[in-house]
Amino acid sequence: MVQVTRKDEREANENVIRRFNRKVLQSGVLSTAKASMRFSKPISKTERRNKAIIRKARKADKMAKMRLGVR
């Protein structure tokens, strides 16, 4: 899925970049790459809950340390 954009002799660099960006957007390469980055494996409800509890506890601990001025 390589996008090839050739520059004409008197064409400005900005125009080449603009054409390349348009080709990439129209091909859908970026959207598929972003979708694969956001994909997460399905986990159980209890696992998700436990992770949320751990996150909340860590955040509370971090905020308490910030209030005390301790790193």
PDB file of N, CA and C in Angstrom:
ATOM      1  N   MET A   1       0.822  -1.186   0.000  1.00  0.00           N
ATOM      2  CA  MET A   1       0.000   0.000   0.000  1.00  0.00           C
ATOM      3  C   MET A   1       0.869   1.253   0.000  1.00  0.00           C
ATOM      4  N   VAL A   2       1.835   1.276  -0.854  1.00  0.00           N
ATOM      5  CA  VAL A   2       2.722   2.429  -0.963  1.00  0.00           C
ATOM      6  C   VAL A   2       2.085   3.458  -1.878  1.00  0.00           C
ATOM      7  N   GLN A   3       2.056   4.696  -1.429  1.00  0.00           N
ATOM      8  CA  GLN A   3       1.503   5.784  -2.229  1.00  0.00           C
ATOM      9  C   GLN A   3       2.644   6.467  -2.972  1.00  0.00           C
ATOM     10  N   VAL A   4       2.591   6.472  -4.288  1.00  0.00           N
ATOM     11  CA  VAL A   4       3.640   7.078  -5.099  1.00  0.00           C
ATOM     12  C   VAL A   4       3.112   8.376  -5.676  1.00  0.00           C
ATOM     13  N   THR A   5       3.857   9.457  -5.448  1.00  0.00           N
ATOM     14  CA  THR A   5       3.505  10.757  -5.995  1.00  0.00           C
ATOM     15  C   THR A   5       4.752  11.327  -6.642  1.00  0.00           C
ATOM     16  N   ARG A   6       4.687  11.549  -7.927  1.00  0.00           N
ATOM     17  CA  ARG A   6       5.838  12.084  -8.647  1.00  0.00           C
ATOM     18  C   ARG A   6       5.663  13.578  -8.854  1.00  0.00           C
ATOM     19  N   LYS A   7       6.780  14.281  -8.780  1.00  0.00           N
ATOM     20  CA  LYS A   7       6.763  15.726  -8.928  1.00  0.00           C
ATOM     21  C   LYS A   7       6.985  16.100 -10.389  1.00  0.00           C
ATOM     22  N   ASP A   8       6.140  17.011 -10.897  1.00  0.00           N
ATOM     23  CA  ASP A   8       6.352  17.545 -12.234  1.00  0.00           C
ATOM     24  C   ASP A   8       7.506  18.547 -12.185  1.00  0.00           C
ATOM     25  N   GLU A   9       7.970  18.962 -13.352  1.00  0.00           N
ATOM     26  CA  GLU A   9       9.148  19.835 -13.395  1.00  0.00           C
ATOM     27  C   GLU A   9       8.937  21.168 -12.693  1.00  0.00           C
ATOM     28  N   ARG A  10       7.813  21.829 -12.979  1.00  0.00           N
ATOM     29  CA  ARG A  10       7.600  23.172 -12.436  1.00  0.00           C
ATOM     30  C   ARG A  10       6.611  23.185 -11.276  1.00  0.00           C
ATOM     31  N   GLU A  11       6.361  22.058 -10.692  1.00  0.00           N
ATOM     32  CA  GLU A  11       5.369  21.989  -9.613  1.00  0.00           C
ATOM     33  C   GLU A  11       6.012  22.338  -8.270  1.00  0.00           C
ATOM     34  N   ALA A  12       5.300  23.067  -7.450  1.00  0.00           N
ATOM     35  CA  ALA A  12       5.805  23.463  -6.134  1.00  0.00           C
ATOM     36  C   ALA A  12       5.745  22.267  -5.180  1.00  0.00           C
ATOM     37  N   ASN A  13       6.637  22.289  -4.203  1.00  0.00           N
ATOM     38  CA  ASN A  13       6.692  21.202  -3.222  1.00  0.00           C
ATOM     39  C   ASN A  13       5.393  21.091  -2.427  1.00  0.00           C
ATOM     40  N   GLU A  14       4.783  22.232  -2.116  1.00  0.00           N
ATOM     41  CA  GLU A  14       3.543  22.220  -1.343  1.00  0.00           C
ATOM     42  C   GLU A  14       2.437  21.468  -2.082  1.00  0.00           C
ATOM     43  N   ASN A  15       2.395  21.653  -3.403  1.00  0.00           N
ATOM     44  CA  ASN A  15       1.377  20.956  -4.195  1.00  0.00           C
ATOM     45  C   ASN A  15       1.592  19.443  -4.185  1.00  0.00           C
ATOM     46  N   VAL A  16       2.848  19.031  -4.236  1.00  0.00           N
ATOM     47  CA  VAL A  16       3.151  17.592  -4.196  1.00  0.00           C
ATOM     48  C   VAL A  16       2.725  17.009  -2.861  1.00  0.00           C
ATOM     49  N   ILE A  17       3.027  17.726  -1.793  1.00  0.00           N
ATOM     50  CA  ILE A  17       2.656  17.258  -0.453  1.00  0.00           C
ATOM     51  C   ILE A  17       1.139  17.195  -0.325  1.00  0.00           C
ATOM     52  N   ARG A  18       0.452  18.194  -0.851  1.00  0.00           N
ATOM     53  CA  ARG A  18      -1.006  18.233  -0.787  1.00  0.00           C
ATOM     54  C   ARG A  18      -1.599  17.052  -1.554  1.00  0.00           C
ATOM     55  N   ARG A  19      -1.073  16.767  -2.750  1.00  0.00           N
ATOM     56  CA  ARG A  19      -1.570  15.629  -3.531  1.00  0.00           C
ATOM     57  C   ARG A  19      -1.318  14.309  -2.809  1.00  0.00           C
ATOM     58  N   PHE A  20      -0.135  14.192  -2.213  1.00  0.00           N
ATOM     59  CA  PHE A  20       0.202  12.968  -1.479  1.00  0.00           C
ATOM     60  C   PHE A  20      -0.754  12.770  -0.302  1.00  0.00           C
ATOM     61  N   ASN A  21      -0.979  13.840   0.462  1.00  0.00           N
ATOM     62  CA  ASN A  21      -1.890  13.740   1.611  1.00  0.00           C
ATOM     63  C   ASN A  21      -3.293  13.341   1.168  1.00  0.00           C
ATOM     64  N   ARG A  22      -3.754  13.898   0.057  1.00  0.00           N
ATOM     65  CA  ARG A  22      -5.085  13.566  -0.452  1.00  0.00           C
ATOM     66  C   ARG A  22      -5.147  12.090  -0.835  1.00  0.00           C
ATOM     67  N   LYS A  23      -4.105  11.588  -1.504  1.00  0.00           N
ATOM     68  CA  LYS A  23      -4.080  10.171  -1.897  1.00  0.00           C
ATOM     69  C   LYS A  23      -4.103   9.257  -0.680  1.00  0.00           C
ATOM     70  N   VAL A  24      -3.343   9.624   0.344  1.00  0.00           N
ATOM     71  CA  VAL A  24      -3.293   8.802   1.555  1.00  0.00           C
ATOM     72  C   VAL A  24      -4.662   8.783   2.229  1.00  0.00           C
ATOM     73  N   LEU A  25      -5.302   9.952   2.330  1.00  0.00           N
ATOM     74  CA  LEU A  25      -6.625  10.003   2.954  1.00  0.00           C
ATOM     75  C   LEU A  25      -7.648   9.198   2.164  1.00  0.00           C
ATOM     76  N   GLN A  26      -7.608   9.286   0.850  1.00  0.00           N
ATOM     77  CA  GLN A  26      -8.578   8.575   0.027  1.00  0.00           C
ATOM     78  C   GLN A  26      -8.355   7.069   0.047  1.00  0.00           C
ATOM     79  N   SER A  27      -7.118   6.640   0.212  1.00  0.00           N
ATOM     80  CA  SER A  27      -6.847   5.202   0.217  1.00  0.00           C
ATOM     81  C   SER A  27      -7.302   4.534   1.506  1.00  0.00           C
ATOM     82  N   GLY A  28      -7.408   5.303   2.604  1.00  0.00           N
ATOM     83  CA  GLY A  28      -7.863   4.736   3.879  1.00  0.00           C
ATOM     84  C   GLY A  28      -6.769   4.067   4.671  1.00  0.00           C
ATOM     85  N   VAL A  29      -5.516   4.310   4.342  1.00  0.00           N
ATOM     86  CA  VAL A  29      -4.406   3.680   5.047  1.00  0.00           C
ATOM     87  C   VAL A  29      -4.358   4.147   6.495  1.00  0.00           C
ATOM     88  N   LEU A  30      -4.505   5.454   6.697  1.00  0.00           N
ATOM     89  CA  LEU A  30      -4.433   6.001   8.051  1.00  0.00           C
ATOM     90  C   LEU A  30      -5.583   5.515   8.919  1.00  0.00           C
ATOM     91  N   SER A  31      -6.773   5.454   8.372  1.00  0.00           N
ATOM     92  CA  SER A  31      -7.922   5.030   9.175  1.00  0.00           C
ATOM     93  C   SER A  31      -7.772   3.580   9.635  1.00  0.00           C
ATOM     94  N   THR A  32      -7.256   2.711   8.762  1.00  0.00           N
ATOM     95  CA  THR A  32      -7.056   1.317   9.177  1.00  0.00           C
ATOM     96  C   THR A  32      -5.947   1.207  10.214  1.00  0.00           C
ATOM     97  N   ALA A  33      -4.903   2.017  10.068  1.00  0.00           N
ATOM     98  CA  ALA A  33      -3.810   1.979  11.039  1.00  0.00           C
ATOM     99  C   ALA A  33      -4.289   2.462  12.402  1.00  0.00           C
ATOM    100  N   LYS A  34      -5.071   3.534  12.418  1.00  0.00           N
ATOM    101  CA  LYS A  34      -5.588   4.046  13.690  1.00  0.00           C
ATOM    102  C   LYS A  34      -6.567   3.069  14.322  1.00  0.00           C
ATOM    103  N   ALA A  35      -7.373   2.422  13.498  1.00  0.00           N
ATOM    104  CA  ALA A  35      -8.326   1.441  14.028  1.00  0.00           C
ATOM    105  C   ALA A  35      -7.594   0.271  14.667  1.00  0.00           C
ATOM    106  N   SER A  36      -6.496  -0.167  14.063  1.00  0.00           N
ATOM    107  CA  SER A  36      -5.756  -1.285  14.643  1.00  0.00           C
ATOM    108  C   SER A  36      -5.039  -0.864  15.913  1.00  0.00           C
ATOM    109  N   MET A  37      -4.687   0.412  16.034  1.00  0.00           N
ATOM    110  CA  MET A  37      -4.050   0.894  17.263  1.00  0.00           C
ATOM    111  C   MET A  37      -5.049   0.913  18.417  1.00  0.00           C
ATOM    112  N   ARG A  38      -6.299   1.240  18.120  1.00  0.00           N
ATOM    113  CA  ARG A  38      -7.314   1.343  19.175  1.00  0.00           C
ATOM    114  C   ARG A  38      -7.900  -0.010  19.559  1.00  0.00           C
ATOM    115  N   PHE A  39      -7.648  -1.039  18.793  1.00  0.00           N
ATOM    116  CA  PHE A  39      -8.244  -2.348  19.054  1.00  0.00           C
ATOM    117  C   PHE A  39      -7.732  -2.904  20.375  1.00  0.00           C
ATOM    118  N   SER A  40      -8.631  -3.395  21.191  1.00  0.00           N
ATOM    119  CA  SER A  40      -8.225  -4.063  22.424  1.00  0.00           C
ATOM    120  C   SER A  40      -8.963  -5.388  22.522  1.00  0.00           C
ATOM    121  N   LYS A  41      -8.301  -6.355  23.069  1.00  0.00           N
ATOM    122  CA  LYS A  41      -8.897  -7.676  23.192  1.00  0.00           C
ATOM    123  C   LYS A  41     -10.059  -7.607  24.184  1.00  0.00           C
ATOM    124  N   PRO A  42     -11.107  -8.347  23.928  1.00  0.00           N
ATOM    125  CA  PRO A  42     -12.244  -8.330  24.850  1.00  0.00           C
ATOM    126  C   PRO A  42     -11.865  -8.964  26.186  1.00  0.00           C
ATOM    127  N   ILE A  43     -12.169  -8.252  27.267  1.00  0.00           N
ATOM    128  CA  ILE A  43     -11.874  -8.781  28.598  1.00  0.00           C
ATOM    129  C   ILE A  43     -13.177  -8.871  29.379  1.00  0.00           C
ATOM    130  N   SER A  44     -13.144  -9.646  30.437  1.00  0.00           N
ATOM    131  CA  SER A  44     -14.361  -9.861  31.202  1.00  0.00           C
ATOM    132  C   SER A  44     -14.716  -8.618  32.015  1.00  0.00           C
ATOM    133  N   LYS A  45     -15.944  -8.582  32.469  1.00  0.00           N
ATOM    134  CA  LYS A  45     -16.434  -7.434  33.224  1.00  0.00           C
ATOM    135  C   LYS A  45     -15.690  -7.307  34.559  1.00  0.00           C
ATOM    136  N   THR A  46     -15.415  -8.421  35.197  1.00  0.00           N
ATOM    137  CA  THR A  46     -14.733  -8.369  36.493  1.00  0.00           C
ATOM    138  C   THR A  46     -13.301  -7.872  36.334  1.00  0.00           C
ATOM    139  N   GLU A  47     -12.646  -8.307  35.257  1.00  0.00           N
ATOM    140  CA  GLU A  47     -11.278  -7.841  34.998  1.00  0.00           C
ATOM    141  C   GLU A  47     -11.250  -6.339  34.781  1.00  0.00           C
ATOM    142  N   ARG A  48     -12.214  -5.859  33.984  1.00  0.00           N
ATOM    143  CA  ARG A  48     -12.301  -4.431  33.708  1.00  0.00           C
ATOM    144  C   ARG A  48     -12.546  -3.653  35.000  1.00  0.00           C
ATOM    145  N   ARG A  49     -13.418  -4.185  35.852  1.00  0.00           N
ATOM    146  CA  ARG A  49     -13.721  -3.554  37.137  1.00  0.00           C
ATOM    147  C   ARG A  49     -12.482  -3.490  38.028  1.00  0.00           C
ATOM    148  N   ASN A  50     -11.762  -4.610  38.093  1.00  0.00           N
ATOM    149  CA  ASN A  50     -10.564  -4.658  38.932  1.00  0.00           C
ATOM    150  C   ASN A  50      -9.510  -3.663  38.454  1.00  0.00           C
ATOM    151  N   LYS A  51      -9.342  -3.567  37.138  1.00  0.00           N
ATOM    152  CA  LYS A  51      -8.380  -2.610  36.600  1.00  0.00           C
ATOM    153  C   LYS A  51      -8.787  -1.179  36.923  1.00  0.00           C
ATOM    154  N   ALA A  52     -10.084  -0.897  36.857  1.00  0.00           N
ATOM    155  CA  ALA A  52     -10.573   0.443  37.172  1.00  0.00           C
ATOM    156  C   ALA A  52     -10.330   0.776  38.636  1.00  0.00           C
ATOM    157  N   ILE A  53     -10.532  -0.191  39.509  1.00  0.00           N
ATOM    158  CA  ILE A  53     -10.286   0.021  40.940  1.00  0.00           C
ATOM    159  C   ILE A  53      -8.817   0.322  41.188  1.00  0.00           C
ATOM    160  N   ILE A  54      -7.928  -0.436  40.535  1.00  0.00           N
ATOM    161  CA  ILE A  54      -6.486  -0.214  40.690  1.00  0.00           C
ATOM    162  C   ILE A  54      -6.101   1.165  40.173  1.00  0.00           C
ATOM    163  N   ARG A  55      -6.644   1.550  38.995  1.00  0.00           N
ATOM    164  CA  ARG A  55      -6.363   2.877  38.430  1.00  0.00           C
ATOM    165  C   ARG A  55      -6.796   3.987  39.378  1.00  0.00           C
ATOM    166  N   LYS A  56      -7.993   3.824  39.946  1.00  0.00           N
ATOM    167  CA  LYS A  56      -8.534   4.841  40.847  1.00  0.00           C
ATOM    168  C   LYS A  56      -7.674   4.961  42.104  1.00  0.00           C
ATOM    169  N   ALA A  57      -7.220   3.835  42.620  1.00  0.00           N
ATOM    170  CA  ALA A  57      -6.377   3.852  43.822  1.00  0.00           C
ATOM    171  C   ALA A  57      -5.032   4.514  43.527  1.00  0.00           C
ATOM    172  N   ARG A  58      -4.446   4.189  42.384  1.00  0.00           N
ATOM    173  CA  ARG A  58      -3.165   4.809  42.023  1.00  0.00           C
ATOM    174  C   ARG A  58      -3.303   6.314  41.856  1.00  0.00           C
ATOM    175  N   LYS A  59      -4.397   6.736  41.229  1.00  0.00           N
ATOM    176  CA  LYS A  59      -4.619   8.163  41.023  1.00  0.00           C
ATOM    177  C   LYS A  59      -4.799   8.881  42.358  1.00  0.00           C
ATOM    178  N   ALA A  60      -5.555   8.274  43.256  1.00  0.00           N
ATOM    179  CA  ALA A  60      -5.762   8.872  44.573  1.00  0.00           C
ATOM    180  C   ALA A  60      -4.446   8.974  45.328  1.00  0.00           C
ATOM    181  N   ASP A  61      -3.625   7.942  45.237  1.00  0.00           N
ATOM    182  CA  ASP A  61      -2.320   7.952  45.890  1.00  0.00           C
ATOM    183  C   ASP A  61      -1.426   9.051  45.309  1.00  0.00           C
ATOM    184  N   LYS A  62      -1.455   9.186  44.006  1.00  0.00           N
ATOM    185  CA  LYS A  62      -0.657  10.208  43.336  1.00  0.00           C
ATOM    186  C   LYS A  62      -1.101  11.609  43.747  1.00  0.00           C
ATOM    187  N   MET A  63      -2.415  11.825  43.799  1.00  0.00           N
ATOM    188  CA  MET A  63      -2.933  13.133  44.197  1.00  0.00           C
ATOM    189  C   MET A  63      -2.593  13.443  45.645  1.00  0.00           C
ATOM    190  N   ALA A  64      -2.648  12.441  46.519  1.00  0.00           N
ATOM    191  CA  ALA A  64      -2.305  12.651  47.927  1.00  0.00           C
ATOM    192  C   ALA A  64      -0.829  13.038  48.054  1.00  0.00           C
ATOM    193  N   LYS A  65       0.036  12.383  47.301  1.00  0.00           N
ATOM    194  CA  LYS A  65       1.453  12.721  47.330  1.00  0.00           C
ATOM    195  C   LYS A  65       1.702  14.126  46.790  1.00  0.00           C
ATOM    196  N   MET A  66       0.932  14.505  45.755  1.00  0.00           N
ATOM    197  CA  MET A  66       1.089  15.857  45.208  1.00  0.00           C
ATOM    198  C   MET A  66       0.694  16.906  46.222  1.00  0.00           C
ATOM    199  N   ARG A  67      -0.376  16.640  46.969  1.00  0.00           N
ATOM    200  CA  ARG A  67      -0.817  17.601  47.994  1.00  0.00           C
ATOM    201  C   ARG A  67       0.217  17.752  49.082  1.00  0.00           C
ATOM    202  N   LEU A  68       0.910  16.672  49.414  1.00  0.00           N
ATOM    203  CA  LEU A  68       1.947  16.727  50.450  1.00  0.00           C
ATOM    204  C   LEU A  68       3.259  17.284  49.937  1.00  0.00           C
ATOM    205  N   GLY A  69       3.406  17.334  48.623  1.00  0.00           N
ATOM    206  CA  GLY A  69       4.628  17.842  48.039  1.00  0.00           C
ATOM    207  C   GLY A  69       5.706  16.792  47.951  1.00  0.00           C
ATOM    208  N   VAL A  70       5.319  15.527  48.008  1.00  0.00           N
ATOM    209  CA  VAL A  70       6.266  14.416  47.928  1.00  0.00           C
ATOM    210  C   VAL A  70       6.189  13.833  46.534  1.00  0.00           C
ATOM    211  N   ARG A  71       7.331  13.445  46.014  1.00  0.00           N
ATOM    212  CA  ARG A  71       7.318  12.846  44.676  1.00  0.00           C
ATOM    213  C   ARG A  71       7.182  11.392  44.734  1.00  0.00           C
TER     214      ARG A  71
END
